[in-house]
Amino acid sequence: MKTNNLIAVLLAASFLAACAGTGGQSGKGDTKGATAAAKPAEALTGDALITANVKSALAADPELANAKITVSTTDGNVTLKGEIKTLALRRKAESIVKSVPNVKSLNNQTVVTG
């Protein structure tokens, strides 16, 4: 079951990261349509890759896999938002994010609910 959750998170992260990577394009003359958003995870670069890697790392942790955390990255600076059950898990999430390659800084805006 955890493997299925991880696969679902990875696929969702890949899709969202690919969509985020299309910013600044007007769409005029773009004949690629939806195929541009369906990049494989290995084709992701920059902030999209960092975001996907952070989401994967958080999903791989059994205690954080079901946490309601959103991840965004700008110029290597990662922001976490959402809810987390304990302060210890918040700190664990921070540690995991900081261990992801190319993360420059972390802005942890998660709220402890427990």
PDB file of N, CA and C in Angstrom:
ATOM      1  N   MET A   1       0.818  -1.192   0.000  1.00  0.00           N
ATOM      2  CA  MET A   1       0.000   0.000   0.000  1.00  0.00           C
ATOM      3  C   MET A   1       0.861   1.253   0.000  1.00  0.00           C
ATOM      4  N   LYS A   2       1.933   1.278   0.800  1.00  0.00           N
ATOM      5  CA  LYS A   2       2.809   2.437   0.836  1.00  0.00           C
ATOM      6  C   LYS A   2       3.496   2.632  -0.510  1.00  0.00           C
ATOM      7  N   THR A   3       3.795   1.535  -1.197  1.00  0.00           N
ATOM      8  CA  THR A   3       4.407   1.636  -2.517  1.00  0.00           C
ATOM      9  C   THR A   3       3.443   2.307  -3.481  1.00  0.00           C
ATOM     10  N   ASN A   4       2.169   1.954  -3.421  1.00  0.00           N
ATOM     11  CA  ASN A   4       1.173   2.582  -4.280  1.00  0.00           C
ATOM     12  C   ASN A   4       1.059   4.069  -3.986  1.00  0.00           C
ATOM     13  N   ASN A   5       1.086   4.433  -2.699  1.00  0.00           N
ATOM     14  CA  ASN A   5       1.025   5.848  -2.325  1.00  0.00           C
ATOM     15  C   ASN A   5       2.240   6.588  -2.859  1.00  0.00           C
ATOM     16  N   LEU A   6       3.414   5.987  -2.745  1.00  0.00           N
ATOM     17  CA  LEU A   6       4.639   6.614  -3.212  1.00  0.00           C
ATOM     18  C   LEU A   6       4.596   6.809  -4.713  1.00  0.00           C
ATOM     19  N   ILE A   7       4.136   5.812  -5.436  1.00  0.00           N
ATOM     20  CA  ILE A   7       4.043   5.920  -6.893  1.00  0.00           C
ATOM     21  C   ILE A   7       3.067   7.027  -7.277  1.00  0.00           C
ATOM     22  N   ALA A   8       1.942   7.080  -6.601  1.00  0.00           N
ATOM     23  CA  ALA A   8       0.948   8.117  -6.890  1.00  0.00           C
ATOM     24  C   ALA A   8       1.519   9.505  -6.627  1.00  0.00           C
ATOM     25  N   VAL A   9       2.253   9.666  -5.523  1.00  0.00           N
ATOM     26  CA  VAL A   9       2.845  10.955  -5.191  1.00  0.00           C
ATOM     27  C   VAL A   9       3.899  11.334  -6.220  1.00  0.00           C
ATOM     28  N   LEU A  10       4.720  10.379  -6.628  1.00  0.00           N
ATOM     29  CA  LEU A  10       5.757  10.656  -7.620  1.00  0.00           C
ATOM     30  C   LEU A  10       5.141  11.079  -8.953  1.00  0.00           C
ATOM     31  N   LEU A  11       4.106  10.396  -9.368  1.00  0.00           N
ATOM     32  CA  LEU A  11       3.447  10.756 -10.619  1.00  0.00           C
ATOM     33  C   LEU A  11       2.811  12.134 -10.528  1.00  0.00           C
ATOM     34  N   ALA A  12       2.156  12.402  -9.419  1.00  0.00           N
ATOM     35  CA  ALA A  12       1.533  13.711  -9.237  1.00  0.00           C
ATOM     36  C   ALA A  12       2.591  14.812  -9.185  1.00  0.00           C
ATOM     37  N   ALA A  13       3.677  14.547  -8.474  1.00  0.00           N
ATOM     38  CA  ALA A  13       4.756  15.531  -8.377  1.00  0.00           C
ATOM     39  C   ALA A  13       5.364  15.802  -9.743  1.00  0.00           C
ATOM     40  N   SER A  14       5.551  14.762 -10.519  1.00  0.00           N
ATOM     41  CA  SER A  14       6.115  14.925 -11.857  1.00  0.00           C
ATOM     42  C   SER A  14       5.195  15.774 -12.724  1.00  0.00           C
ATOM     43  N   PHE A  15       3.908  15.480 -12.673  1.00  0.00           N
ATOM     44  CA  PHE A  15       2.950  16.236 -13.473  1.00  0.00           C
ATOM     45  C   PHE A  15       2.912  17.698 -13.047  1.00  0.00           C
ATOM     46  N   LEU A  16       2.813  17.943 -11.733  1.00  0.00           N
ATOM     47  CA  LEU A  16       2.730  19.313 -11.248  1.00  0.00           C
ATOM     48  C   LEU A  16       4.010  20.083 -11.519  1.00  0.00           C
ATOM     49  N   ALA A  17       5.136  19.432 -11.357  1.00  0.00           N
ATOM     50  CA  ALA A  17       6.409  20.090 -11.615  1.00  0.00           C
ATOM     51  C   ALA A  17       6.546  20.433 -13.091  1.00  0.00           C
ATOM     52  N   ALA A  18       6.087  19.558 -13.953  1.00  0.00           N
ATOM     53  CA  ALA A  18       6.139  19.833 -15.393  1.00  0.00           C
ATOM     54  C   ALA A  18       5.231  21.001 -15.733  1.00  0.00           C
ATOM     55  N   CYS A  19       4.068  21.072 -15.107  1.00  0.00           N
ATOM     56  CA  CYS A  19       3.154  22.194 -15.350  1.00  0.00           C
ATOM     57  C   CYS A  19       3.772  23.493 -14.860  1.00  0.00           C
ATOM     58  N   ALA A  20       4.416  23.461 -13.707  1.00  0.00           N
ATOM     59  CA  ALA A  20       5.037  24.659 -13.148  1.00  0.00           C
ATOM     60  C   ALA A  20       6.174  25.142 -14.030  1.00  0.00           C
ATOM     61  N   GLY A  21       6.816  24.249 -14.730  1.00  0.00           N
ATOM     62  CA  GLY A  21       7.936  24.608 -15.591  1.00  0.00           C
ATOM     63  C   GLY A  21       7.524  25.288 -16.875  1.00  0.00           C
ATOM     64  N   THR A  22       6.233  25.454 -17.122  1.00  0.00           N
ATOM     65  CA  THR A  22       5.776  26.096 -18.346  1.00  0.00           C
ATOM     66  C   THR A  22       5.460  27.571 -18.138  1.00  0.00           C
ATOM     67  N   GLY A  23       5.758  28.110 -16.959  1.00  0.00           N
ATOM     68  CA  GLY A  23       5.468  29.507 -16.673  1.00  0.00           C
ATOM     69  C   GLY A  23       6.147  30.447 -17.655  1.00  0.00           C
ATOM     70  N   GLY A  24       5.469  31.541 -17.975  1.00  0.00           N
ATOM     71  CA  GLY A  24       6.036  32.538 -18.858  1.00  0.00           C
ATOM     72  C   GLY A  24       5.791  32.262 -20.332  1.00  0.00           C
ATOM     73  N   GLN A  25       5.182  31.150 -20.670  1.00  0.00           N
ATOM     74  CA  GLN A  25       4.891  30.851 -22.056  1.00  0.00           C
ATOM     75  C   GLN A  25       3.468  31.282 -22.351  1.00  0.00           C
ATOM     76  N   SER A  26       3.282  31.984 -23.459  1.00  0.00           N
ATOM     77  CA  SER A  26       1.959  32.497 -23.779  1.00  0.00           C
ATOM     78  C   SER A  26       1.057  31.453 -24.398  1.00  0.00           C
ATOM     79  N   GLY A  27       1.621  30.401 -24.935  1.00  0.00           N
ATOM     80  CA  GLY A  27       0.836  29.367 -25.567  1.00  0.00           C
ATOM     81  C   GLY A  27       0.566  29.661 -27.028  1.00  0.00           C
ATOM     82  N   LYS A  28       0.951  30.846 -27.519  1.00  0.00           N
ATOM     83  CA  LYS A  28       0.729  31.206 -28.916  1.00  0.00           C
ATOM     84  C   LYS A  28       1.611  30.348 -29.804  1.00  0.00           C
ATOM     85  N   GLY A  29       1.010  29.701 -30.747  1.00  0.00           N
ATOM     86  CA  GLY A  29       1.764  28.890 -31.680  1.00  0.00           C
ATOM     87  C   GLY A  29       2.267  27.598 -31.087  1.00  0.00           C
ATOM     88  N   ASP A  30       1.872  27.285 -29.881  1.00  0.00           N
ATOM     89  CA  ASP A  30       2.324  26.061 -29.223  1.00  0.00           C
ATOM     90  C   ASP A  30       1.448  24.897 -29.668  1.00  0.00           C
ATOM     91  N   THR A  31       2.023  23.999 -30.427  1.00  0.00           N
ATOM     92  CA  THR A  31       1.259  22.863 -30.917  1.00  0.00           C
ATOM     93  C   THR A  31       1.479  21.621 -30.073  1.00  0.00           C
ATOM     94  N   LYS A  32       2.285  21.752 -29.043  1.00  0.00           N
ATOM     95  CA  LYS A  32       2.571  20.593 -28.191  1.00  0.00           C
ATOM     96  C   LYS A  32       1.400  20.259 -27.275  1.00  0.00           C
ATOM     97  N   GLY A  33       0.665  21.266 -26.843  1.00  0.00           N
ATOM     98  CA  GLY A  33      -0.494  21.044 -25.986  1.00  0.00           C
ATOM     99  C   GLY A  33      -0.134  20.329 -24.704  1.00  0.00           C
ATOM    100  N   ALA A  34      -0.904  19.303 -24.371  1.00  0.00           N
ATOM    101  CA  ALA A  34      -0.748  18.585 -23.105  1.00  0.00           C
ATOM    102  C   ALA A  34       0.522  17.758 -23.062  1.00  0.00           C
ATOM    103  N   THR A  35       1.123  17.466 -24.194  1.00  0.00           N
ATOM    104  CA  THR A  35       2.321  16.624 -24.161  1.00  0.00           C
ATOM    105  C   THR A  35       3.476  17.310 -23.464  1.00  0.00           C
ATOM    106  N   ALA A  36       3.514  18.630 -23.456  1.00  0.00           N
ATOM    107  CA  ALA A  36       4.588  19.339 -22.780  1.00  0.00           C
ATOM    108  C   ALA A  36       4.506  19.145 -21.273  1.00  0.00           C
ATOM    109  N   ALA A  37       3.308  18.964 -20.729  1.00  0.00           N
ATOM    110  CA  ALA A  37       3.138  18.788 -19.290  1.00  0.00           C
ATOM    111  C   ALA A  37       3.386  17.349 -18.865  1.00  0.00           C
ATOM    112  N   ALA A  38       3.518  16.455 -19.798  1.00  0.00           N
ATOM    113  CA  ALA A  38       3.670  15.044 -19.466  1.00  0.00           C
ATOM    114  C   ALA A  38       5.131  14.596 -19.559  1.00  0.00           C
ATOM    115  N   LYS A  39       6.054  15.466 -19.165  1.00  0.00           N
ATOM    116  CA  LYS A  39       7.466  15.112 -19.189  1.00  0.00           C
ATOM    117  C   LYS A  39       7.743  14.005 -18.182  1.00  0.00           C
ATOM    118  N   PRO A  40       8.621  13.087 -18.514  1.00  0.00           N
ATOM    119  CA  PRO A  40       9.018  12.097 -17.513  1.00  0.00           C
ATOM    120  C   PRO A  40       9.842  12.764 -16.413  1.00  0.00           C
ATOM    121  N   ALA A  41       9.836  12.174 -15.235  1.00  0.00           N
ATOM    122  CA  ALA A  41      10.521  12.760 -14.077  1.00  0.00           C
ATOM    123  C   ALA A  41      11.994  13.018 -14.362  1.00  0.00           C
ATOM    124  N   GLU A  42      12.645  12.156 -15.135  1.00  0.00           N
ATOM    125  CA  GLU A  42      14.063  12.327 -15.389  1.00  0.00           C
ATOM    126  C   GLU A  42      14.343  13.535 -16.278  1.00  0.00           C
ATOM    127  N   ALA A  43      13.333  14.090 -16.938  1.00  0.00           N
ATOM    128  CA  ALA A  43      13.513  15.250 -17.801  1.00  0.00           C
ATOM    129  C   ALA A  43      13.342  16.558 -17.033  1.00  0.00           C
ATOM    130  N   LEU A  44      12.939  16.512 -15.783  1.00  0.00           N
ATOM    131  CA  LEU A  44      12.745  17.713 -14.983  1.00  0.00           C
ATOM    132  C   LEU A  44      14.090  18.350 -14.676  1.00  0.00           C
ATOM    133  N   THR A  45      14.100  19.679 -14.594  1.00  0.00           N
ATOM    134  CA  THR A  45      15.331  20.390 -14.261  1.00  0.00           C
ATOM    135  C   THR A  45      15.022  21.514 -13.286  1.00  0.00           C
ATOM    136  N   GLY A  46      16.040  22.068 -12.705  1.00  0.00           N
ATOM    137  CA  GLY A  46      15.922  23.243 -11.852  1.00  0.00           C
ATOM    138  C   GLY A  46      14.949  23.083 -10.704  1.00  0.00           C
ATOM    139  N   ASP A  47      14.130  24.122 -10.523  1.00  0.00           N
ATOM    140  CA  ASP A  47      13.184  24.152  -9.410  1.00  0.00           C
ATOM    141  C   ASP A  47      12.173  23.014  -9.475  1.00  0.00           C
ATOM    142  N   ALA A  48      11.750  22.656 -10.685  1.00  0.00           N
ATOM    143  CA  ALA A  48      10.782  21.562 -10.826  1.00  0.00           C
ATOM    144  C   ALA A  48      11.382  20.252 -10.317  1.00  0.00           C
ATOM    145  N   LEU A  49      12.647  20.035 -10.606  1.00  0.00           N
ATOM    146  CA  LEU A  49      13.316  18.820 -10.137  1.00  0.00           C
ATOM    147  C   LEU A  49      13.466  18.837  -8.614  1.00  0.00           C
ATOM    148  N   ILE A  50      13.834  19.978  -8.070  1.00  0.00           N
ATOM    149  CA  ILE A  50      13.973  20.093  -6.611  1.00  0.00           C
ATOM    150  C   ILE A  50      12.629  19.810  -5.944  1.00  0.00           C
ATOM    151  N   THR A  51      11.566  20.419  -6.450  1.00  0.00           N
ATOM    152  CA  THR A  51      10.231  20.195  -5.887  1.00  0.00           C
ATOM    153  C   THR A  51       9.856  18.726  -5.941  1.00  0.00           C
ATOM    154  N   ALA A  52      10.075  18.086  -7.073  1.00  0.00           N
ATOM    155  CA  ALA A  52       9.751  16.661  -7.216  1.00  0.00           C
ATOM    156  C   ALA A  52      10.574  15.822  -6.250  1.00  0.00           C
ATOM    157  N   ASN A  53      11.853  16.154  -6.096  1.00  0.00           N
ATOM    158  CA  ASN A  53      12.710  15.393  -5.181  1.00  0.00           C
ATOM    159  C   ASN A  53      12.303  15.582  -3.723  1.00  0.00           C
ATOM    160  N   VAL A  54      11.905  16.797  -3.362  1.00  0.00           N
ATOM    161  CA  VAL A  54      11.453  17.057  -1.991  1.00  0.00           C
ATOM    162  C   VAL A  54      10.166  16.281  -1.715  1.00  0.00           C
ATOM    163  N   LYS A  55       9.216  16.343  -2.647  1.00  0.00           N
ATOM    164  CA  LYS A  55       7.960  15.615  -2.465  1.00  0.00           C
ATOM    165  C   LYS A  55       8.218  14.119  -2.351  1.00  0.00           C
ATOM    166  N   SER A  56       9.109  13.599  -3.165  1.00  0.00           N
ATOM    167  CA  SER A  56       9.436  12.173  -3.109  1.00  0.00           C
ATOM    168  C   SER A  56      10.080  11.803  -1.782  1.00  0.00           C
ATOM    169  N   ALA A  57      10.999  12.646  -1.318  1.00  0.00           N
ATOM    170  CA  ALA A  57      11.682  12.367  -0.051  1.00  0.00           C
ATOM    171  C   ALA A  57      10.702  12.388   1.120  1.00  0.00           C
ATOM    172  N   LEU A  58       9.781  13.353   1.119  1.00  0.00           N
ATOM    173  CA  LEU A  58       8.790  13.414   2.192  1.00  0.00           C
ATOM    174  C   LEU A  58       7.833  12.225   2.123  1.00  0.00           C
ATOM    175  N   ALA A  59       7.434  11.849   0.922  1.00  0.00           N
ATOM    176  CA  ALA A  59       6.518  10.716   0.748  1.00  0.00           C
ATOM    177  C   ALA A  59       7.166   9.394   1.116  1.00  0.00           C
ATOM    178  N   ALA A  60       8.482   9.319   1.011  1.00  0.00           N
ATOM    179  CA  ALA A  60       9.191   8.081   1.333  1.00  0.00           C
ATOM    180  C   ALA A  60       9.279   7.838   2.831  1.00  0.00           C
ATOM    181  N   ASP A  61       9.054   8.871   3.627  1.00  0.00           N
ATOM    182  CA  ASP A  61       9.088   8.720   5.080  1.00  0.00           C
ATOM    183  C   ASP A  61       7.716   8.284   5.566  1.00  0.00           C
ATOM    184  N   PRO A  62       7.634   7.142   6.259  1.00  0.00           N
ATOM    185  CA  PRO A  62       6.331   6.623   6.692  1.00  0.00           C
ATOM    186  C   PRO A  62       5.538   7.587   7.582  1.00  0.00           C
ATOM    187  N   GLU A  63       6.226   8.392   8.378  1.00  0.00           N
ATOM    188  CA  GLU A  63       5.527   9.312   9.283  1.00  0.00           C
ATOM    189  C   GLU A  63       5.038  10.580   8.568  1.00  0.00           C
ATOM    190  N   LEU A  64       5.632  10.890   7.433  1.00  0.00           N
ATOM    191  CA  LEU A  64       5.282  12.118   6.724  1.00  0.00           C
ATOM    192  C   LEU A  64       4.532  11.869   5.418  1.00  0.00           C
ATOM    193  N   ALA A  65       4.420  10.615   5.026  1.00  0.00           N
ATOM    194  CA  ALA A  65       3.825  10.277   3.732  1.00  0.00           C
ATOM    195  C   ALA A  65       2.407  10.811   3.570  1.00  0.00           C
ATOM    196  N   ASN A  66       1.645  10.846   4.643  1.00  0.00           N
ATOM    197  CA  ASN A  66       0.254  11.295   4.556  1.00  0.00           C
ATOM    198  C   ASN A  66       0.037  12.705   5.096  1.00  0.00           C
ATOM    199  N   ALA A  67       1.125  13.409   5.376  1.00  0.00           N
ATOM    200  CA  ALA A  67       1.009  14.776   5.883  1.00  0.00           C
ATOM    201  C   ALA A  67       0.473  15.689   4.778  1.00  0.00           C
ATOM    202  N   LYS A  68      -0.291  16.675   5.168  1.00  0.00           N
ATOM    203  CA  LYS A  68      -0.874  17.626   4.215  1.00  0.00           C
ATOM    204  C   LYS A  68       0.101  18.783   4.015  1.00  0.00           C
ATOM    205  N   ILE A  69       1.143  18.531   3.211  1.00  0.00           N
ATOM    206  CA  ILE A  69       2.190  19.522   2.988  1.00  0.00           C
ATOM    207  C   ILE A  69       2.292  19.815   1.495  1.00  0.00           C
ATOM    208  N   THR A  70       2.301  21.102   1.155  1.00  0.00           N
ATOM    209  CA  THR A  70       2.571  21.486  -0.225  1.00  0.00           C
ATOM    210  C   THR A  70       4.000  22.003  -0.311  1.00  0.00           C
ATOM    211  N   VAL A  71       4.607  21.783  -1.457  1.00  0.00           N
ATOM    212  CA  VAL A  71       6.007  22.149  -1.666  1.00  0.00           C
ATOM    213  C   VAL A  71       6.086  23.054  -2.883  1.00  0.00           C
ATOM    214  N   SER A  72       6.803  24.161  -2.742  1.00  0.00           N
ATOM    215  CA  SER A  72       7.090  25.010  -3.888  1.00  0.00           C
ATOM    216  C   SER A  72       8.554  25.418  -3.824  1.00  0.00           C
ATOM    217  N   THR A  73       9.131  25.667  -4.994  1.00  0.00           N
ATOM    218  CA  THR A  73      10.550  26.020  -5.066  1.00  0.00           C
ATOM    219  C   THR A  73      10.732  27.186  -6.021  1.00  0.00           C
ATOM    220  N   THR A  74      11.506  28.174  -5.585  1.00  0.00           N
ATOM    221  CA  THR A  74      11.870  29.309  -6.417  1.00  0.00           C
ATOM    222  C   THR A  74      13.362  29.559  -6.250  1.00  0.00           C
ATOM    223  N   ASP A  75      14.084  29.438  -7.342  1.00  0.00           N
ATOM    224  CA  ASP A  75      15.536  29.648  -7.335  1.00  0.00           C
ATOM    225  C   ASP A  75      16.235  28.796  -6.278  1.00  0.00           C
ATOM    226  N   GLY A  76      15.775  27.572  -6.081  1.00  0.00           N
ATOM    227  CA  GLY A  76      16.394  26.660  -5.119  1.00  0.00           C
ATOM    228  C   GLY A  76      15.933  26.849  -3.691  1.00  0.00           C
ATOM    229  N   ASN A  77      15.059  27.833  -3.469  1.00  0.00           N
ATOM    230  CA  ASN A  77      14.538  28.108  -2.131  1.00  0.00           C
ATOM    231  C   ASN A  77      13.188  27.418  -1.982  1.00  0.00           C
ATOM    232  N   VAL A  78      13.126  26.454  -1.081  1.00  0.00           N
ATOM    233  CA  VAL A  78      11.943  25.615  -0.912  1.00  0.00           C
ATOM    234  C   VAL A  78      11.027  26.192   0.169  1.00  0.00           C
ATOM    235  N   THR A  79       9.724  26.195  -0.117  1.00  0.00           N
ATOM    236  CA  THR A  79       8.727  26.608   0.860  1.00  0.00           C
ATOM    237  C   THR A  79       7.778  25.445   1.116  1.00  0.00           C
ATOM    238  N   LEU A  80       7.582  25.127   2.382  1.00  0.00           N
ATOM    239  CA  LEU A  80       6.613  24.117   2.793  1.00  0.00           C
ATOM    240  C   LEU A  80       5.431  24.821   3.430  1.00  0.00           C
ATOM    241  N   LYS A  81       4.218  24.411   3.056  1.00  0.00           N
ATOM    242  CA  LYS A  81       2.998  24.935   3.663  1.00  0.00           C
ATOM    243  C   LYS A  81       2.084  23.771   3.966  1.00  0.00           C
ATOM    244  N   GLY A  82       1.245  23.938   4.965  1.00  0.00           N
ATOM    245  CA  GLY A  82       0.277  22.908   5.288  1.00  0.00           C
ATOM    246  C   GLY A  82       0.263  22.584   6.760  1.00  0.00           C
ATOM    247  N   GLU A  83      -0.239  21.395   7.052  1.00  0.00           N
ATOM    248  CA  GLU A  83      -0.406  20.962   8.438  1.00  0.00           C
ATOM    249  C   GLU A  83       0.476  19.756   8.718  1.00  0.00           C
ATOM    250  N   ILE A  84       0.965  19.718   9.944  1.00  0.00           N
ATOM    251  CA  ILE A  84       1.794  18.599  10.379  1.00  0.00           C
ATOM    252  C   ILE A  84       1.437  18.308  11.836  1.00  0.00           C
ATOM    253  N   LYS A  85       1.467  17.044  12.225  1.00  0.00           N
ATOM    254  CA  LYS A  85       0.904  16.656  13.524  1.00  0.00           C
ATOM    255  C   LYS A  85       1.712  17.083  14.739  1.00  0.00           C
ATOM    256  N   THR A  86       3.041  17.020  14.673  1.00  0.00           N
ATOM    257  CA  THR A  86       3.847  17.333  15.850  1.00  0.00           C
ATOM    258  C   THR A  86       5.049  18.187  15.479  1.00  0.00           C
ATOM    259  N   LEU A  87       5.617  18.843  16.479  1.00  0.00           N
ATOM    260  CA  LEU A  87       6.819  19.626  16.277  1.00  0.00           C
ATOM    261  C   LEU A  87       7.977  18.728  15.842  1.00  0.00           C
ATOM    262  N   ALA A  88       8.038  17.535  16.400  1.00  0.00           N
ATOM    263  CA  ALA A  88       9.100  16.593  16.020  1.00  0.00           C
ATOM    264  C   ALA A  88       9.013  16.237  14.534  1.00  0.00           C
ATOM    265  N   LEU A  89       7.795  16.040  14.032  1.00  0.00           N
ATOM    266  CA  LEU A  89       7.630  15.739  12.604  1.00  0.00           C
ATOM    267  C   LEU A  89       7.953  16.964  11.750  1.00  0.00           C
ATOM    268  N   ARG A  90       7.659  18.143  12.259  1.00  0.00           N
ATOM    269  CA  ARG A  90       8.012  19.370  11.527  1.00  0.00           C
ATOM    270  C   ARG A  90       9.526  19.460  11.379  1.00  0.00           C
ATOM    271  N   ARG A  91      10.219  19.177  12.439  1.00  0.00           N
ATOM    272  CA  ARG A  91      11.690  19.204  12.403  1.00  0.00           C
ATOM    273  C   ARG A  91      12.240  18.103  11.500  1.00  0.00           C
ATOM    274  N   LYS A  92      11.597  16.947  11.509  1.00  0.00           N
ATOM    275  CA  LYS A  92      12.007  15.840  10.644  1.00  0.00           C
ATOM    276  C   LYS A  92      11.838  16.236   9.178  1.00  0.00           C
ATOM    277  N   ALA A  93      10.723  16.887   8.863  1.00  0.00           N
ATOM    278  CA  ALA A  93      10.492  17.353   7.494  1.00  0.00           C
ATOM    279  C   ALA A  93      11.574  18.350   7.081  1.00  0.00           C
ATOM    280  N   GLU A  94      11.936  19.247   7.978  1.00  0.00           N
ATOM    281  CA  GLU A  94      12.996  20.218   7.698  1.00  0.00           C
ATOM    282  C   GLU A  94      14.310  19.508   7.383  1.00  0.00           C
ATOM    283  N   SER A  95      14.636  18.521   8.183  1.00  0.00           N
ATOM    284  CA  SER A  95      15.863  17.765   7.977  1.00  0.00           C
ATOM    285  C   SER A  95      15.875  17.056   6.628  1.00  0.00           C
ATOM    286  N   ILE A  96      14.749  16.457   6.284  1.00  0.00           N
ATOM    287  CA  ILE A  96      14.640  15.749   5.001  1.00  0.00           C
ATOM    288  C   ILE A  96      14.809  16.725   3.843  1.00  0.00           C
ATOM    289  N   VAL A  97      14.125  17.864   3.914  1.00  0.00           N
ATOM    290  CA  VAL A  97      14.206  18.849   2.828  1.00  0.00           C
ATOM    291  C   VAL A  97      15.635  19.346   2.667  1.00  0.00           C
ATOM    292  N   LYS A  98      16.293  19.645   3.767  1.00  0.00           N
ATOM    293  CA  LYS A  98      17.659  20.172   3.703  1.00  0.00           C
ATOM    294  C   LYS A  98      18.650  19.154   3.147  1.00  0.00           C
ATOM    295  N   SER A  99      18.298  17.865   3.179  1.00  0.00           N
ATOM    296  CA  SER A  99      19.185  16.838   2.649  1.00  0.00           C
ATOM    297  C   SER A  99      19.014  16.626   1.139  1.00  0.00           C
ATOM    298  N   VAL A 100      17.996  17.238   0.547  1.00  0.00           N
ATOM    299  CA  VAL A 100      17.751  17.097  -0.891  1.00  0.00           C
ATOM    300  C   VAL A 100      18.769  17.948  -1.655  1.00  0.00           C
ATOM    301  N   PRO A 101      19.399  17.379  -2.675  1.00  0.00           N
ATOM    302  CA  PRO A 101      20.401  18.132  -3.444  1.00  0.00           C
ATOM    303  C   PRO A 101      19.828  19.407  -4.052  1.00  0.00           C
ATOM    304  N   ASN A 102      20.652  20.449  -4.058  1.00  0.00           N
ATOM    305  CA  ASN A 102      20.372  21.749  -4.672  1.00  0.00           C
ATOM    306  C   ASN A 102      19.369  22.616  -3.923  1.00  0.00           C
ATOM    307  N   VAL A 103      18.943  22.206  -2.721  1.00  0.00           N
ATOM    308  CA  VAL A 103      18.092  23.063  -1.895  1.00  0.00           C
ATOM    309  C   VAL A 103      18.998  24.110  -1.251  1.00  0.00           C
ATOM    310  N   LYS A 104      18.721  25.382  -1.553  1.00  0.00           N
ATOM    311  CA  LYS A 104      19.533  26.481  -1.011  1.00  0.00           C
ATOM    312  C   LYS A 104      19.058  26.898   0.368  1.00  0.00           C
ATOM    313  N   SER A 105      17.736  26.980   0.534  1.00  0.00           N
ATOM    314  CA  SER A 105      17.183  27.379   1.823  1.00  0.00           C
ATOM    315  C   SER A 105      15.784  26.789   1.969  1.00  0.00           C
ATOM    316  N   LEU A 106      15.281  26.846   3.198  1.00  0.00           N
ATOM    317  CA  LEU A 106      13.953  26.311   3.493  1.00  0.00           C
ATOM    318  C   LEU A 106      13.156  27.340   4.265  1.00  0.00           C
ATOM    319  N   ASN A 107      11.943  27.602   3.800  1.00  0.00           N
ATOM    320  CA  ASN A 107      10.981  28.446   4.493  1.00  0.00           C
ATOM    321  C   ASN A 107       9.847  27.517   4.925  1.00  0.00           C
ATOM    322  N   ASN A 108       9.886  27.085   6.167  1.00  0.00           N
ATOM    323  CA  ASN A 108       8.903  26.109   6.656  1.00  0.00           C
ATOM    324  C   ASN A 108       7.722  26.856   7.276  1.00  0.00           C
ATOM    325  N   GLN A 109       6.621  26.908   6.530  1.00  0.00           N
ATOM    326  CA  GLN A 109       5.408  27.579   6.985  1.00  0.00           C
ATOM    327  C   GLN A 109       4.349  26.587   7.440  1.00  0.00           C
ATOM    328  N   THR A 110       4.760  25.351   7.724  1.00  0.00           N
ATOM    329  CA  THR A 110       3.792  24.355   8.181  1.00  0.00           C
ATOM    330  C   THR A 110       3.297  24.713   9.574  1.00  0.00           C
ATOM    331  N   VAL A 111       2.074  24.294   9.870  1.00  0.00           N
ATOM    332  CA  VAL A 111       1.447  24.564  11.164  1.00  0.00           C
ATOM    333  C   VAL A 111       1.312  23.248  11.910  1.00  0.00           C
ATOM    334  N   VAL A 112       1.784  23.236  13.170  1.00  0.00           N
ATOM    335  CA  VAL A 112       1.667  22.038  14.004  1.00  0.00           C
ATOM    336  C   VAL A 112       0.249  21.994  14.551  1.00  0.00           C
ATOM    337  N   THR A 113      -0.438  20.869  14.289  1.00  0.00           N
ATOM    338  CA  THR A 113      -1.851  20.754  14.668  1.00  0.00           C
ATOM    339  C   THR A 113      -2.067  19.878  15.901  1.00  0.00           C
ATOM    340  N   GLY A 114      -1.053  19.186  16.358  1.00  0.00           N
ATOM    341  CA  GLY A 114      -1.249  18.247  17.461  1.00  0.00           C
ATOM    342  C   GLY A 114      -0.705  18.717  18.760  1.00  0.00           C
TER     343      GLY A 114
END
